Amino acid sequence: MQSGTEPRHNSSWTKYMGMGMQFFASILLALWVGSMADDYFHFSGALLIWILPLLAVLFNLIRIVIDTQKKKQ
């Protein structure tokens, strides 16, 4: 019990801040992996550097929608 301090407020903003950080970190990781994979497979264009981040955005948006929906009880 915390005596002499203010009560803790709902820290839901930290949940959403964490989701945002994971969202952008996964995009950056997908860009880096796509760049490395394009170099490794010697594609003529930047194929995987486009596909992997787009897939990361799609999967992250689906995960965010699922995580933020209200739970039915």
PDB file of N, CA and C in Angstrom:
ATOM      1  N   MET A   1       0.841  -1.170   0.000  1.00  0.00           N
ATOM      2  CA  MET A   1       0.000   0.000   0.000  1.00  0.00           C
ATOM      3  C   MET A   1       0.882   1.227   0.000  1.00  0.00           C
ATOM      4  N   GLN A   2       0.501   2.203  -0.746  1.00  0.00           N
ATOM      5  CA  GLN A   2       1.272   3.425  -0.857  1.00  0.00           C
ATOM      6  C   GLN A   2       0.684   4.469   0.084  1.00  0.00           C
ATOM      7  N   SER A   3       1.431   4.809   1.096  1.00  0.00           N
ATOM      8  CA  SER A   3       0.949   5.831   2.018  1.00  0.00           C
ATOM      9  C   SER A   3       1.617   7.157   1.700  1.00  0.00           C
ATOM     10  N   GLY A   4       0.830   8.204   1.692  1.00  0.00           N
ATOM     11  CA  GLY A   4       1.375   9.526   1.463  1.00  0.00           C
ATOM     12  C   GLY A   4       1.617   9.865  -0.004  1.00  0.00           C
ATOM     13  N   THR A   5       1.226   8.995  -0.918  1.00  0.00           N
ATOM     14  CA  THR A   5       1.409   9.294  -2.338  1.00  0.00           C
ATOM     15  C   THR A   5       0.059   9.271  -3.024  1.00  0.00           C
ATOM     16  N   GLU A   6       0.054   9.815  -4.209  1.00  0.00           N
ATOM     17  CA  GLU A   6      -1.188   9.813  -4.983  1.00  0.00           C
ATOM     18  C   GLU A   6      -1.503   8.404  -5.455  1.00  0.00           C
ATOM     19  N   PRO A   7      -2.783   8.077  -5.609  1.00  0.00           N
ATOM     20  CA  PRO A   7      -3.119   6.740  -6.123  1.00  0.00           C
ATOM     21  C   PRO A   7      -2.651   6.577  -7.563  1.00  0.00           C
ATOM     22  N   ARG A   8      -2.320   5.356  -7.912  1.00  0.00           N
ATOM     23  CA  ARG A   8      -1.862   5.084  -9.281  1.00  0.00           C
ATOM     24  C   ARG A   8      -3.022   5.259 -10.255  1.00  0.00           C
ATOM     25  N   HIS A   9      -2.735   5.935 -11.350  1.00  0.00           N
ATOM     26  CA  HIS A   9      -3.739   6.124 -12.394  1.00  0.00           C
ATOM     27  C   HIS A   9      -3.664   4.957 -13.366  1.00  0.00           C
ATOM     28  N   ASN A  10      -4.713   4.806 -14.125  1.00  0.00           N
ATOM     29  CA  ASN A  10      -4.743   3.757 -15.137  1.00  0.00           C
ATOM     30  C   ASN A  10      -3.642   4.023 -16.154  1.00  0.00           C
ATOM     31  N   SER A  11      -2.758   3.068 -16.346  1.00  0.00           N
ATOM     32  CA  SER A  11      -1.623   3.274 -17.252  1.00  0.00           C
ATOM     33  C   SER A  11      -1.877   2.618 -18.604  1.00  0.00           C
ATOM     34  N   SER A  12      -3.072   2.816 -19.149  1.00  0.00           N
ATOM     35  CA  SER A  12      -3.376   2.233 -20.456  1.00  0.00           C
ATOM     36  C   SER A  12      -2.559   2.886 -21.555  1.00  0.00           C
ATOM     37  N   TRP A  13      -2.108   4.124 -21.340  1.00  0.00           N
ATOM     38  CA  TRP A  13      -1.302   4.798 -22.357  1.00  0.00           C
ATOM     39  C   TRP A  13       0.015   4.071 -22.559  1.00  0.00           C
ATOM     40  N   THR A  14       0.530   3.414 -21.519  1.00  0.00           N
ATOM     41  CA  THR A  14       1.781   2.675 -21.675  1.00  0.00           C
ATOM     42  C   THR A  14       1.575   1.445 -22.554  1.00  0.00           C
ATOM     43  N   LYS A  15       0.385   0.862 -22.469  1.00  0.00           N
ATOM     44  CA  LYS A  15       0.071  -0.284 -23.329  1.00  0.00           C
ATOM     45  C   LYS A  15       0.102   0.136 -24.798  1.00  0.00           C
ATOM     46  N   TYR A  16      -0.525   1.252 -25.111  1.00  0.00           N
ATOM     47  CA  TYR A  16      -0.576   1.726 -26.490  1.00  0.00           C
ATOM     48  C   TYR A  16       0.781   2.257 -26.953  1.00  0.00           C
ATOM     49  N   MET A  17       1.535   2.825 -26.046  1.00  0.00           N
ATOM     50  CA  MET A  17       2.872   3.279 -26.388  1.00  0.00           C
ATOM     51  C   MET A  17       3.760   2.078 -26.720  1.00  0.00           C
ATOM     52  N   GLY A  18       3.611   1.012 -25.969  1.00  0.00           N
ATOM     53  CA  GLY A  18       4.359  -0.211 -26.251  1.00  0.00           C
ATOM     54  C   GLY A  18       3.974  -0.817 -27.588  1.00  0.00           C
ATOM     55  N   MET A  19       2.684  -0.794 -27.901  1.00  0.00           N
ATOM     56  CA  MET A  19       2.225  -1.301 -29.198  1.00  0.00           C
ATOM     57  C   MET A  19       2.821  -0.485 -30.340  1.00  0.00           C
ATOM     58  N   GLY A  20       2.861   0.824 -30.168  1.00  0.00           N
ATOM     59  CA  GLY A  20       3.430   1.688 -31.202  1.00  0.00           C
ATOM     60  C   GLY A  20       4.918   1.442 -31.398  1.00  0.00           C
ATOM     61  N   MET A  21       5.637   1.261 -30.303  1.00  0.00           N
ATOM     62  CA  MET A  21       7.065   0.974 -30.401  1.00  0.00           C
ATOM     63  C   MET A  21       7.312  -0.363 -31.100  1.00  0.00           C
ATOM     64  N   GLN A  22       6.513  -1.375 -30.771  1.00  0.00           N
ATOM     65  CA  GLN A  22       6.650  -2.670 -31.435  1.00  0.00           C
ATOM     66  C   GLN A  22       6.313  -2.556 -32.917  1.00  0.00           C
ATOM     67  N   PHE A  23       5.318  -1.751 -33.238  1.00  0.00           N
ATOM     68  CA  PHE A  23       4.909  -1.542 -34.627  1.00  0.00           C
ATOM     69  C   PHE A  23       6.074  -0.986 -35.447  1.00  0.00           C
ATOM     70  N   PHE A  24       6.685   0.091 -34.964  1.00  0.00           N
ATOM     71  CA  PHE A  24       7.771   0.717 -35.717  1.00  0.00           C
ATOM     72  C   PHE A  24       9.048  -0.109 -35.686  1.00  0.00           C
ATOM     73  N   ALA A  25       9.297  -0.803 -34.580  1.00  0.00           N
ATOM     74  CA  ALA A  25      10.484  -1.661 -34.513  1.00  0.00           C
ATOM     75  C   ALA A  25      10.369  -2.817 -35.501  1.00  0.00           C
ATOM     76  N   SER A  26       9.174  -3.380 -35.642  1.00  0.00           N
ATOM     77  CA  SER A  26       9.011  -4.485 -36.590  1.00  0.00           C
ATOM     78  C   SER A  26       9.151  -4.010 -38.032  1.00  0.00           C
ATOM     79  N   ILE A  27       8.713  -2.791 -38.322  1.00  0.00           N
ATOM     80  CA  ILE A  27       8.885  -2.243 -39.666  1.00  0.00           C
ATOM     81  C   ILE A  27      10.375  -2.031 -39.961  1.00  0.00           C
ATOM     82  N   LEU A  28      11.097  -1.466 -39.003  1.00  0.00           N
ATOM     83  CA  LEU A  28      12.536  -1.261 -39.200  1.00  0.00           C
ATOM     84  C   LEU A  28      13.270  -2.587 -39.353  1.00  0.00           C
ATOM     85  N   LEU A  29      12.894  -3.579 -38.566  1.00  0.00           N
ATOM     86  CA  LEU A  29      13.505  -4.903 -38.683  1.00  0.00           C
ATOM     87  C   LEU A  29      13.201  -5.526 -40.046  1.00  0.00           C
ATOM     88  N   ALA A  30      11.957  -5.386 -40.507  1.00  0.00           N
ATOM     89  CA  ALA A  30      11.581  -5.926 -41.810  1.00  0.00           C
ATOM     90  C   ALA A  30      12.346  -5.223 -42.932  1.00  0.00           C
ATOM     91  N   LEU A  31      12.561  -3.918 -42.800  1.00  0.00           N
ATOM     92  CA  LEU A  31      13.352  -3.195 -43.801  1.00  0.00           C
ATOM     93  C   LEU A  31      14.788  -3.706 -43.843  1.00  0.00           C
ATOM     94  N   TRP A  32      15.376  -3.906 -42.677  1.00  0.00           N
ATOM     95  CA  TRP A  32      16.753  -4.387 -42.609  1.00  0.00           C
ATOM     96  C   TRP A  32      16.875  -5.809 -43.162  1.00  0.00           C
ATOM     97  N   VAL A  33      15.946  -6.696 -42.771  1.00  0.00           N
ATOM     98  CA  VAL A  33      15.975  -8.075 -43.276  1.00  0.00           C
ATOM     99  C   VAL A  33      15.725  -8.086 -44.776  1.00  0.00           C
ATOM    100  N   GLY A  34      14.800  -7.256 -45.246  1.00  0.00           N
ATOM    101  CA  GLY A  34      14.534  -7.173 -46.681  1.00  0.00           C
ATOM    102  C   GLY A  34      15.733  -6.695 -47.471  1.00  0.00           C
ATOM    103  N   SER A  35      16.444  -5.735 -46.936  1.00  0.00           N
ATOM    104  CA  SER A  35      17.645  -5.236 -47.597  1.00  0.00           C
ATOM    105  C   SER A  35      18.718  -6.318 -47.670  1.00  0.00           C
ATOM    106  N   MET A  36      18.932  -7.005 -46.562  1.00  0.00           N
ATOM    107  CA  MET A  36      19.918  -8.089 -46.535  1.00  0.00           C
ATOM    108  C   MET A  36      19.528  -9.231 -47.480  1.00  0.00           C
ATOM    109  N   ALA A  37      18.249  -9.568 -47.494  1.00  0.00           N
ATOM    110  CA  ALA A  37      17.779 -10.669 -48.347  1.00  0.00           C
ATOM    111  C   ALA A  37      17.880 -10.296 -49.829  1.00  0.00           C
ATOM    112  N   ASP A  38      17.583  -9.037 -50.165  1.00  0.00           N
ATOM    113  CA  ASP A  38      17.736  -8.597 -51.558  1.00  0.00           C
ATOM    114  C   ASP A  38      19.183  -8.705 -52.008  1.00  0.00           C
ATOM    115  N   ASP A  39      20.097  -8.317 -51.140  1.00  0.00           N
ATOM    116  CA  ASP A  39      21.522  -8.431 -51.471  1.00  0.00           C
ATOM    117  C   ASP A  39      21.947  -9.887 -51.586  1.00  0.00           C
ATOM    118  N   TYR A  40      21.445 -10.727 -50.708  1.00  0.00           N
ATOM    119  CA  TYR A  40      21.838 -12.138 -50.693  1.00  0.00           C
ATOM    120  C   TYR A  40      21.339 -12.883 -51.928  1.00  0.00           C
ATOM    121  N   PHE A  41      20.066 -12.652 -52.299  1.00  0.00           N
ATOM    122  CA  PHE A  41      19.468 -13.366 -53.429  1.00  0.00           C
ATOM    123  C   PHE A  41      19.713 -12.670 -54.764  1.00  0.00           C
ATOM    124  N   HIS A  42      20.342 -11.519 -54.777  1.00  0.00           N
ATOM    125  CA  HIS A  42      20.694 -10.771 -55.991  1.00  0.00           C
ATOM    126  C   HIS A  42      19.481 -10.487 -56.877  1.00  0.00           C
ATOM    127  N   PHE A  43      18.405  -9.986 -56.249  1.00  0.00           N
ATOM    128  CA  PHE A  43      17.246  -9.574 -57.038  1.00  0.00           C
ATOM    129  C   PHE A  43      17.588  -8.321 -57.827  1.00  0.00           C
ATOM    130  N   SER A  44      16.979  -8.182 -59.004  1.00  0.00           N
ATOM    131  CA  SER A  44      17.285  -7.032 -59.850  1.00  0.00           C
ATOM    132  C   SER A  44      16.729  -5.739 -59.249  1.00  0.00           C
ATOM    133  N   GLY A  45      15.602  -5.829 -58.584  1.00  0.00           N
ATOM    134  CA  GLY A  45      15.015  -4.656 -57.940  1.00  0.00           C
ATOM    135  C   GLY A  45      14.940  -4.869 -56.437  1.00  0.00           C
ATOM    136  N   ALA A  46      14.380  -3.918 -55.759  1.00  0.00           N
ATOM    137  CA  ALA A  46      14.226  -4.006 -54.310  1.00  0.00           C
ATOM    138  C   ALA A  46      12.909  -4.712 -53.998  1.00  0.00           C
ATOM    139  N   LEU A  47      12.865  -6.008 -54.257  1.00  0.00           N
ATOM    140  CA  LEU A  47      11.625  -6.763 -54.096  1.00  0.00           C
ATOM    141  C   LEU A  47      11.289  -6.999 -52.627  1.00  0.00           C
ATOM    142  N   LEU A  48      12.191  -7.597 -51.886  1.00  0.00           N
ATOM    143  CA  LEU A  48      11.903  -7.957 -50.500  1.00  0.00           C
ATOM    144  C   LEU A  48      11.919  -6.759 -49.564  1.00  0.00           C
ATOM    145  N   ILE A  49      12.602  -5.706 -49.960  1.00  0.00           N
ATOM    146  CA  ILE A  49      12.600  -4.512 -49.118  1.00  0.00           C
ATOM    147  C   ILE A  49      11.232  -3.809 -49.162  1.00  0.00           C
ATOM    148  N   TRP A  50      10.411  -4.158 -50.138  1.00  0.00           N
ATOM    149  CA  TRP A  50       9.028  -3.666 -50.205  1.00  0.00           C
ATOM    150  C   TRP A  50       8.044  -4.652 -49.598  1.00  0.00           C
ATOM    151  N   ILE A  51       8.227  -5.935 -49.885  1.00  0.00           N
ATOM    152  CA  ILE A  51       7.252  -6.949 -49.462  1.00  0.00           C
ATOM    153  C   ILE A  51       7.274  -7.172 -47.952  1.00  0.00           C
ATOM    154  N   LEU A  52       8.450  -7.326 -47.368  1.00  0.00           N
ATOM    155  CA  LEU A  52       8.527  -7.637 -45.939  1.00  0.00           C
ATOM    156  C   LEU A  52       7.959  -6.529 -45.038  1.00  0.00           C
ATOM    157  N   PRO A  53       8.263  -5.252 -45.266  1.00  0.00           N
ATOM    158  CA  PRO A  53       7.626  -4.229 -44.430  1.00  0.00           C
ATOM    159  C   PRO A  53       6.117  -4.143 -44.624  1.00  0.00           C
ATOM    160  N   LEU A  54       5.649  -4.370 -45.849  1.00  0.00           N
ATOM    161  CA  LEU A  54       4.197  -4.364 -46.060  1.00  0.00           C
ATOM    162  C   LEU A  54       3.522  -5.499 -45.298  1.00  0.00           C
ATOM    163  N   LEU A  55       4.153  -6.663 -45.283  1.00  0.00           N
ATOM    164  CA  LEU A  55       3.622  -7.771 -44.492  1.00  0.00           C
ATOM    165  C   LEU A  55       3.679  -7.465 -43.000  1.00  0.00           C
ATOM    166  N   ALA A  56       4.733  -6.809 -42.555  1.00  0.00           N
ATOM    167  CA  ALA A  56       4.846  -6.433 -41.148  1.00  0.00           C
ATOM    168  C   ALA A  56       3.733  -5.457 -40.756  1.00  0.00           C
ATOM    169  N   VAL A  57       3.450  -4.492 -41.610  1.00  0.00           N
ATOM    170  CA  VAL A  57       2.370  -3.538 -41.337  1.00  0.00           C
ATOM    171  C   VAL A  57       1.030  -4.262 -41.271  1.00  0.00           C
ATOM    172  N   LEU A  58       0.782  -5.158 -42.202  1.00  0.00           N
ATOM    173  CA  LEU A  58      -0.479  -5.895 -42.234  1.00  0.00           C
ATOM    174  C   LEU A  58      -0.661  -6.727 -40.966  1.00  0.00           C
ATOM    175  N   PHE A  59       0.343  -7.500 -40.612  1.00  0.00           N
ATOM    176  CA  PHE A  59       0.232  -8.345 -39.424  1.00  0.00           C
ATOM    177  C   PHE A  59       0.132  -7.510 -38.147  1.00  0.00           C
ATOM    178  N   ASN A  60       0.847  -6.394 -38.088  1.00  0.00           N
ATOM    179  CA  ASN A  60       0.763  -5.536 -36.904  1.00  0.00           C
ATOM    180  C   ASN A  60      -0.610  -4.889 -36.771  1.00  0.00           C
ATOM    181  N   LEU A  61      -1.198  -4.452 -37.869  1.00  0.00           N
ATOM    182  CA  LEU A  61      -2.530  -3.859 -37.805  1.00  0.00           C
ATOM    183  C   LEU A  61      -3.563  -4.880 -37.346  1.00  0.00           C
ATOM    184  N   ILE A  62      -3.460  -6.102 -37.840  1.00  0.00           N
ATOM    185  CA  ILE A  62      -4.378  -7.157 -37.395  1.00  0.00           C
ATOM    186  C   ILE A  62      -4.199  -7.416 -35.906  1.00  0.00           C
ATOM    187  N   ARG A  63      -2.936  -7.480 -35.451  1.00  0.00           N
ATOM    188  CA  ARG A  63      -2.669  -7.745 -34.034  1.00  0.00           C
ATOM    189  C   ARG A  63      -3.171  -6.601 -33.157  1.00  0.00           C
ATOM    190  N   ILE A  64      -3.018  -5.359 -33.611  1.00  0.00           N
ATOM    191  CA  ILE A  64      -3.480  -4.211 -32.835  1.00  0.00           C
ATOM    192  C   ILE A  64      -4.997  -4.205 -32.734  1.00  0.00           C
ATOM    193  N   VAL A  65      -5.684  -4.526 -33.815  1.00  0.00           N
ATOM    194  CA  VAL A  65      -7.153  -4.566 -33.787  1.00  0.00           C
ATOM    195  C   VAL A  65      -7.622  -5.649 -32.822  1.00  0.00           C
ATOM    196  N   ILE A  66      -6.996  -6.808 -32.864  1.00  0.00           N
ATOM    197  CA  ILE A  66      -7.386  -7.901 -31.968  1.00  0.00           C
ATOM    198  C   ILE A  66      -7.109  -7.541 -30.513  1.00  0.00           C
ATOM    199  N   ASP A  67      -5.953  -6.942 -30.241  1.00  0.00           N
ATOM    200  CA  ASP A  67      -5.562  -6.612 -28.864  1.00  0.00           C
ATOM    201  C   ASP A  67      -6.404  -5.484 -28.280  1.00  0.00           C
ATOM    202  N   THR A  68      -6.916  -4.590 -29.104  1.00  0.00           N
ATOM    203  CA  THR A  68      -7.644  -3.440 -28.576  1.00  0.00           C
ATOM    204  C   THR A  68      -9.156  -3.622 -28.555  1.00  0.00           C
ATOM    205  N   GLN A  69      -9.656  -4.731 -29.079  1.00  0.00           N
ATOM    206  CA  GLN A  69     -11.088  -4.976 -29.029  1.00  0.00           C
ATOM    207  C   GLN A  69     -11.497  -5.258 -27.592  1.00  0.00           C
ATOM    208  N   LYS A  70     -12.704  -4.880 -27.261  1.00  0.00           N
ATOM    209  CA  LYS A  70     -13.225  -5.173 -25.932  1.00  0.00           C
ATOM    210  C   LYS A  70     -13.489  -6.661 -25.823  1.00  0.00           C
ATOM    211  N   LYS A  71     -13.138  -7.204 -24.676  1.00  0.00           N
ATOM    212  CA  LYS A  71     -13.346  -8.637 -24.454  1.00  0.00           C
ATOM    213  C   LYS A  71     -14.801  -8.878 -24.071  1.00  0.00           C
ATOM    214  N   LYS A  72     -15.416  -9.868 -24.705  1.00  0.00           N
ATOM    215  CA  LYS A  72     -16.789 -10.246 -24.356  1.00  0.00           C
ATOM    216  C   LYS A  72     -16.745 -11.197 -23.184  1.00  0.00           C
ATOM    217  N   GLN A  73     -17.602 -10.928 -22.203  1.00  0.00           N
ATOM    218  CA  GLN A  73     -17.632 -11.794 -21.022  1.00  0.00           C
ATOM    219  C   GLN A  73     -18.967 -12.430 -20.855  1.00  0.00           C
TER     220      GLN A  73
END
